[in-house]
PDB file of N, CA and C in Angstrom:
ATOM      1  N   MET A   1      -1.174 -21.275 -11.484  1.00  0.00           N
ATOM      2  CA  MET A   1      -0.847 -19.870 -11.406  1.00  0.00           C
ATOM      3  C   MET A   1      -2.005 -19.136 -10.721  1.00  0.00           C
ATOM      4  N   LEU A   2      -1.641 -18.331  -9.747  1.00  0.00           N
ATOM      5  CA  LEU A   2      -2.631 -17.608  -8.953  1.00  0.00           C
ATOM      6  C   LEU A   2      -2.553 -16.112  -9.208  1.00  0.00           C
ATOM      7  N   ARG A   3      -3.686 -15.467  -9.140  1.00  0.00           N
ATOM      8  CA  ARG A   3      -3.733 -14.012  -9.239  1.00  0.00           C
ATOM      9  C   ARG A   3      -3.375 -13.410  -7.884  1.00  0.00           C
ATOM     10  N   VAL A   4      -2.982 -12.158  -7.903  1.00  0.00           N
ATOM     11  CA  VAL A   4      -2.613 -11.464  -6.668  1.00  0.00           C
ATOM     12  C   VAL A   4      -3.778 -11.495  -5.683  1.00  0.00           C
ATOM     13  N   LYS A   5      -4.978 -11.261  -6.158  1.00  0.00           N
ATOM     14  CA  LYS A   5      -6.141 -11.245  -5.278  1.00  0.00           C
ATOM     15  C   LYS A   5      -6.370 -12.613  -4.648  1.00  0.00           C
ATOM     16  N   GLU A   6      -6.155 -13.691  -5.400  1.00  0.00           N
ATOM     17  CA  GLU A   6      -6.325 -15.038  -4.855  1.00  0.00           C
ATOM     18  C   GLU A   6      -5.309 -15.308  -3.741  1.00  0.00           C
ATOM     19  N   VAL A   7      -4.062 -14.891  -3.967  1.00  0.00           N
ATOM     20  CA  VAL A   7      -3.020 -15.077  -2.957  1.00  0.00           C
ATOM     21  C   VAL A   7      -3.374 -14.281  -1.705  1.00  0.00           C
ATOM     22  N   ALA A   8      -3.824 -13.044  -1.896  1.00  0.00           N
ATOM     23  CA  ALA A   8      -4.188 -12.197  -0.761  1.00  0.00           C
ATOM     24  C   ALA A   8      -5.329 -12.830   0.043  1.00  0.00           C
ATOM     25  N   THR A   9      -6.296 -13.387  -0.643  1.00  0.00           N
ATOM     26  CA  THR A   9      -7.421 -14.032   0.036  1.00  0.00           C
ATOM     27  C   THR A   9      -6.949 -15.248   0.817  1.00  0.00           C
ATOM     28  N   ARG A  10      -6.101 -16.068   0.202  1.00  0.00           N
ATOM     29  CA  ARG A  10      -5.606 -17.276   0.877  1.00  0.00           C
ATOM     30  C   ARG A  10      -4.778 -16.942   2.117  1.00  0.00           C
ATOM     31  N   LEU A  11      -4.019 -15.852   2.049  1.00  0.00           N
ATOM     32  CA  LEU A  11      -3.147 -15.480   3.161  1.00  0.00           C
ATOM     33  C   LEU A  11      -3.810 -14.498   4.127  1.00  0.00           C
ATOM     34  N   ASN A  12      -5.045 -14.098   3.806  1.00  0.00           N
ATOM     35  CA  ASN A  12      -5.809 -13.173   4.629  1.00  0.00           C
ATOM     36  C   ASN A  12      -5.073 -11.842   4.811  1.00  0.00           C
ATOM     37  N   VAL A  13      -4.571 -11.289   3.700  1.00  0.00           N
ATOM     38  CA  VAL A  13      -3.908  -9.986   3.692  1.00  0.00           C
ATOM     39  C   VAL A  13      -4.486  -9.153   2.553  1.00  0.00           C
ATOM     40  N   HIS A  14      -4.161  -7.880   2.538  1.00  0.00           N
ATOM     41  CA  HIS A  14      -4.598  -6.984   1.476  1.00  0.00           C
ATOM     42  C   HIS A  14      -3.744  -7.227   0.225  1.00  0.00           C
ATOM     43  N   PRO A  15      -4.317  -7.092  -0.978  1.00  0.00           N
ATOM     44  CA  PRO A  15      -3.525  -7.274  -2.196  1.00  0.00           C
ATOM     45  C   PRO A  15      -2.277  -6.379  -2.247  1.00  0.00           C
ATOM     46  N   ALA A  16      -2.344  -5.194  -1.652  1.00  0.00           N
ATOM     47  CA  ALA A  16      -1.171  -4.309  -1.631  1.00  0.00           C
ATOM     48  C   ALA A  16      -0.006  -4.964  -0.886  1.00  0.00           C
ATOM     49  N   THR A  17      -0.327  -5.758   0.107  1.00  0.00           N
ATOM     50  CA  THR A  17       0.720  -6.477   0.840  1.00  0.00           C
ATOM     51  C   THR A  17       1.404  -7.488  -0.062  1.00  0.00           C
ATOM     52  N   VAL A  18       0.628  -8.178  -0.879  1.00  0.00           N
ATOM     53  CA  VAL A  18       1.191  -9.154  -1.822  1.00  0.00           C
ATOM     54  C   VAL A  18       2.103  -8.436  -2.810  1.00  0.00           C
ATOM     55  N   TYR A  19       1.659  -7.298  -3.340  1.00  0.00           N
ATOM     56  CA  TYR A  19       2.512  -6.521  -4.256  1.00  0.00           C
ATOM     57  C   TYR A  19       3.809  -6.095  -3.563  1.00  0.00           C
ATOM     58  N   ARG A  20       3.725  -5.711  -2.299  1.00  0.00           N
ATOM     59  CA  ARG A  20       4.925  -5.314  -1.560  1.00  0.00           C
ATOM     60  C   ARG A  20       5.882  -6.490  -1.415  1.00  0.00           C
ATOM     61  N   TRP A  21       5.349  -7.668  -1.090  1.00  0.00           N
ATOM     62  CA  TRP A  21       6.190  -8.860  -0.970  1.00  0.00           C
ATOM     63  C   TRP A  21       6.867  -9.185  -2.293  1.00  0.00           C
ATOM     64  N   ILE A  22       6.159  -8.988  -3.396  1.00  0.00           N
ATOM     65  CA  ILE A  22       6.755  -9.221  -4.716  1.00  0.00           C
ATOM     66  C   ILE A  22       7.880  -8.219  -4.940  1.00  0.00           C
ATOM     67  N   LYS A  23       7.612  -6.946  -4.643  1.00  0.00           N
ATOM     68  CA  LYS A  23       8.628  -5.906  -4.839  1.00  0.00           C
ATOM     69  C   LYS A  23       9.866  -6.172  -3.986  1.00  0.00           C
ATOM     70  N   GLU A  24       9.671  -6.641  -2.750  1.00  0.00           N
ATOM     71  CA  GLU A  24      10.779  -6.927  -1.846  1.00  0.00           C
ATOM     72  C   GLU A  24      11.526  -8.199  -2.229  1.00  0.00           C
ATOM     73  N   GLY A  25      10.966  -8.970  -3.165  1.00  0.00           N
ATOM     74  CA  GLY A  25      11.607 -10.213  -3.588  1.00  0.00           C
ATOM     75  C   GLY A  25      11.298 -11.384  -2.670  1.00  0.00           C
ATOM     76  N   ARG A  26      10.370 -11.205  -1.746  1.00  0.00           N
ATOM     77  CA  ARG A  26      10.010 -12.280  -0.807  1.00  0.00           C
ATOM     78  C   ARG A  26       9.081 -13.299  -1.443  1.00  0.00           C
ATOM     79  N   LEU A  27       8.341 -12.889  -2.471  1.00  0.00           N
ATOM     80  CA  LEU A  27       7.381 -13.763  -3.139  1.00  0.00           C
ATOM     81  C   LEU A  27       7.654 -13.730  -4.634  1.00  0.00           C
ATOM     82  N   GLU A  28       7.876 -14.897  -5.212  1.00  0.00           N
ATOM     83  CA  GLU A  28       8.162 -15.000  -6.648  1.00  0.00           C
ATOM     84  C   GLU A  28       6.893 -14.729  -7.445  1.00  0.00           C
ATOM     85  N   ALA A  29       7.028 -13.977  -8.527  1.00  0.00           N
ATOM     86  CA  ALA A  29       5.892 -13.687  -9.389  1.00  0.00           C
ATOM     87  C   ALA A  29       6.358 -13.615 -10.834  1.00  0.00           C
ATOM     88  N   LEU A  30       5.425 -13.867 -11.733  1.00  0.00           N
ATOM     89  CA  LEU A  30       5.682 -13.767 -13.164  1.00  0.00           C
ATOM     90  C   LEU A  30       4.740 -12.727 -13.736  1.00  0.00           C
ATOM     91  N   ARG A  31       5.207 -12.056 -14.766  1.00  0.00           N
ATOM     92  CA  ARG A  31       4.350 -11.080 -15.422  1.00  0.00           C
ATOM     93  C   ARG A  31       4.242 -11.446 -16.887  1.00  0.00           C
ATOM     94  N   TYR A  32       3.029 -11.621 -17.337  1.00  0.00           N
ATOM     95  CA  TYR A  32       2.770 -11.934 -18.734  1.00  0.00           C
ATOM     96  C   TYR A  32       2.457 -10.644 -19.473  1.00  0.00           C
ATOM     97  N   GLY A  33       3.075 -10.457 -20.611  1.00  0.00           N
ATOM     98  CA  GLY A  33       2.799  -9.291 -21.423  1.00  0.00           C
ATOM     99  C   GLY A  33       3.824  -8.192 -21.273  1.00  0.00           C
ATOM    100  N   LYS A  34       4.476  -8.130 -20.131  1.00  0.00           N
ATOM    101  CA  LYS A  34       5.511  -7.145 -19.846  1.00  0.00           C
ATOM    102  C   LYS A  34       6.496  -7.786 -18.890  1.00  0.00           C
ATOM    103  N   PRO A  35       7.787  -7.602 -19.084  1.00  0.00           N
ATOM    104  CA  PRO A  35       8.739  -8.232 -18.168  1.00  0.00           C
ATOM    105  C   PRO A  35       8.667  -7.636 -16.760  1.00  0.00           C
ATOM    106  N   LEU A  36       8.867  -8.488 -15.765  1.00  0.00           N
ATOM    107  CA  LEU A  36       8.906  -8.057 -14.373  1.00  0.00           C
ATOM    108  C   LEU A  36      10.289  -8.378 -13.831  1.00  0.00           C
ATOM    109  N   VAL A  37      10.983  -7.351 -13.417  1.00  0.00           N
ATOM    110  CA  VAL A  37      12.321  -7.522 -12.858  1.00  0.00           C
ATOM    111  C   VAL A  37      12.169  -7.764 -11.361  1.00  0.00           C
ATOM    112  N   ALA A  38      12.869  -8.747 -10.849  1.00  0.00           N
ATOM    113  CA  ALA A  38      12.779  -9.065  -9.422  1.00  0.00           C
ATOM    114  C   ALA A  38      13.091  -7.826  -8.593  1.00  0.00           C
ATOM    115  N   GLY A  39      12.275  -7.591  -7.584  1.00  0.00           N
ATOM    116  CA  GLY A  39      12.491  -6.460  -6.701  1.00  0.00           C
ATOM    117  C   GLY A  39      11.874  -5.162  -7.181  1.00  0.00           C
ATOM    118  N   THR A  40      11.066  -5.220  -8.248  1.00  0.00           N
ATOM    119  CA  THR A  40      10.410  -4.001  -8.735  1.00  0.00           C
ATOM    120  C   THR A  40       8.923  -4.254  -8.903  1.00  0.00           C
ATOM    121  N   LEU A  41       8.150  -3.198  -8.808  1.00  0.00           N
ATOM    122  CA  LEU A  41       6.731  -3.281  -9.102  1.00  0.00           C
ATOM    123  C   LEU A  41       6.528  -2.949 -10.565  1.00  0.00           C
ATOM    124  N   PRO A  42       5.462  -3.478 -11.160  1.00  0.00           N
ATOM    125  CA  PRO A  42       5.197  -3.170 -12.558  1.00  0.00           C
ATOM    126  C   PRO A  42       4.916  -1.679 -12.748  1.00  0.00           C
ATOM    127  N   ASP A  43       5.446  -1.117 -13.830  1.00  0.00           N
ATOM    128  CA  ASP A  43       5.208   0.282 -14.160  1.00  0.00           C
ATOM    129  C   ASP A  43       4.235   0.363 -15.317  1.00  0.00           C
ATOM    130  N   GLY A  44       3.206   1.143 -15.157  1.00  0.00           N
ATOM    131  CA  GLY A  44       2.269   1.383 -16.231  1.00  0.00           C
ATOM    132  C   GLY A  44       1.344   0.209 -16.495  1.00  0.00           C
ATOM    133  N   PRO A  45       0.457   0.403 -17.459  1.00  0.00           N
ATOM    134  CA  PRO A  45      -0.524  -0.633 -17.773  1.00  0.00           C
ATOM    135  C   PRO A  45       0.088  -1.777 -18.574  1.00  0.00           C
ATOM    136  N   GLY A  46      -0.631  -2.866 -18.610  1.00  0.00           N
ATOM    137  CA  GLY A  46      -0.217  -4.008 -19.416  1.00  0.00           C
ATOM    138  C   GLY A  46       0.383  -5.114 -18.592  1.00  0.00           C
ATOM    139  N   GLY A  47       0.121  -6.312 -19.034  1.00  0.00           N
ATOM    140  CA  GLY A  47       0.675  -7.464 -18.349  1.00  0.00           C
ATOM    141  C   GLY A  47      -0.209  -7.927 -17.210  1.00  0.00           C
ATOM    142  N   ALA A  48      -0.047  -9.182 -16.862  1.00  0.00           N
ATOM    143  CA  ALA A  48      -0.804  -9.773 -15.764  1.00  0.00           C
ATOM    144  C   ALA A  48       0.177 -10.459 -14.839  1.00  0.00           C
ATOM    145  N   ILE A  49       0.083 -10.170 -13.554  1.00  0.00           N
ATOM    146  CA  ILE A  49       0.985 -10.774 -12.581  1.00  0.00           C
ATOM    147  C   ILE A  49       0.355 -12.054 -12.066  1.00  0.00           C
ATOM    148  N   ARG A  50       1.155 -13.123 -12.068  1.00  0.00           N
ATOM    149  CA  ARG A  50       0.705 -14.412 -11.565  1.00  0.00           C
ATOM    150  C   ARG A  50       1.763 -14.974 -10.622  1.00  0.00           C
ATOM    151  N   ILE A  51       1.295 -15.635  -9.594  1.00  0.00           N
ATOM    152  CA  ILE A  51       2.178 -16.258  -8.613  1.00  0.00           C
ATOM    153  C   ILE A  51       2.038 -17.774  -8.775  1.00  0.00           C
ATOM    154  N   PRO A  52       3.145 -18.468  -9.044  1.00  0.00           N
ATOM    155  CA  PRO A  52       3.061 -19.929  -9.169  1.00  0.00           C
ATOM    156  C   PRO A  52       2.664 -20.571  -7.837  1.00  0.00           C
ATOM    157  N   GLU A  53       1.920 -21.682  -7.921  1.00  0.00           N
ATOM    158  CA  GLU A  53       1.518 -22.414  -6.718  1.00  0.00           C
ATOM    159  C   GLU A  53       2.742 -22.805  -5.891  1.00  0.00           C
ATOM    160  N   SER A  54       3.825 -23.183  -6.582  1.00  0.00           N
ATOM    161  CA  SER A  54       5.042 -23.598  -5.874  1.00  0.00           C
ATOM    162  C   SER A  54       5.639 -22.443  -5.075  1.00  0.00           C
ATOM    163  N   ALA A  55       5.587 -21.230  -5.624  1.00  0.00           N
ATOM    164  CA  ALA A  55       6.098 -20.058  -4.911  1.00  0.00           C
ATOM    165  C   ALA A  55       5.225 -19.754  -3.698  1.00  0.00           C
ATOM    166  N   MET A  56       3.924 -19.939  -3.859  1.00  0.00           N
ATOM    167  CA  MET A  56       2.994 -19.719  -2.746  1.00  0.00           C
ATOM    168  C   MET A  56       3.276 -20.725  -1.633  1.00  0.00           C
ATOM    169  N   SER A  57       3.484 -21.986  -1.992  1.00  0.00           N
ATOM    170  CA  SER A  57       3.774 -23.025  -1.001  1.00  0.00           C
ATOM    171  C   SER A  57       5.085 -22.742  -0.275  1.00  0.00           C
ATOM    172  N   ALA A  58       6.106 -22.353  -1.041  1.00  0.00           N
ATOM    173  CA  ALA A  58       7.402 -22.040  -0.433  1.00  0.00           C
ATOM    174  C   ALA A  58       7.280 -20.842   0.494  1.00  0.00           C
ATOM    175  N   PHE A  59       6.527 -19.839   0.081  1.00  0.00           N
ATOM    176  CA  PHE A  59       6.362 -18.637   0.894  1.00  0.00           C
ATOM    177  C   PHE A  59       5.628 -18.950   2.190  1.00  0.00           C
ATOM    178  N   THR A  60       4.553 -19.699   2.118  1.00  0.00           N
ATOM    179  CA  THR A  60       3.789 -20.020   3.324  1.00  0.00           C
ATOM    180  C   THR A  60       4.600 -20.929   4.241  1.00  0.00           C
ATOM    181  N   GLY A  61       5.435 -21.779   3.670  1.00  0.00           N
ATOM    182  CA  GLY A  61       6.292 -22.644   4.478  1.00  0.00           C
ATOM    183  C   GLY A  61       7.300 -21.835   5.268  1.00  0.00           C
ATOM    184  N   THR A  62       7.897 -20.824   4.632  1.00  0.00           N
ATOM    185  CA  THR A  62       8.880 -19.990   5.335  1.00  0.00           C
ATOM    186  C   THR A  62       8.177 -19.097   6.340  1.00  0.00           C
ATOM    187  N   ALA A  63       6.973 -18.658   6.049  1.00  0.00           N
ATOM    188  CA  ALA A  63       6.235 -17.812   6.978  1.00  0.00           C
ATOM    189  C   ALA A  63       5.861 -18.601   8.233  1.00  0.00           C
ATOM    190  N   GLU A  64       5.513 -19.887   8.066  1.00  0.00           N
ATOM    191  CA  GLU A  64       5.157 -20.714   9.216  1.00  0.00           C
ATOM    192  C   GLU A  64       6.376 -21.001  10.074  1.00  0.00           C
ATOM    193  N   GLU A  65       7.547 -21.188   9.419  1.00  0.00           N
ATOM    194  CA  GLU A  65       8.777 -21.455  10.157  1.00  0.00           C
ATOM    195  C   GLU A  65       9.200 -20.243  10.986  1.00  0.00           C
ATOM    196  N   ALA A  66       8.940 -19.037  10.466  1.00  0.00           N
ATOM    197  CA  ALA A  66       9.339 -17.808  11.155  1.00  0.00           C
ATOM    198  C   ALA A  66       8.448 -17.519  12.366  1.00  0.00           C
ATOM    199  N   ALA A  67       7.225 -18.056  12.328  1.00  0.00           N
ATOM    200  CA  ALA A  67       6.265 -17.786  13.424  1.00  0.00           C
ATOM    201  C   ALA A  67       6.551 -18.580  14.667  1.00  0.00           C
TER     202      ALA A  67
END
């Protein structure tokens, strides 16, 4: 499980971009402590967003195919 900042560093993008991809449903994420509905950003404090390694691999694979 990766933090948003780790994903942003690996993909060489700003963390806000990662949050946008999560909100758009392009990148799978889990939220611990508070439920995260697909296609929405977390509201208010609480919870930790994590991106599974498998979701990161799938995302980078589709990004490479699109390029």
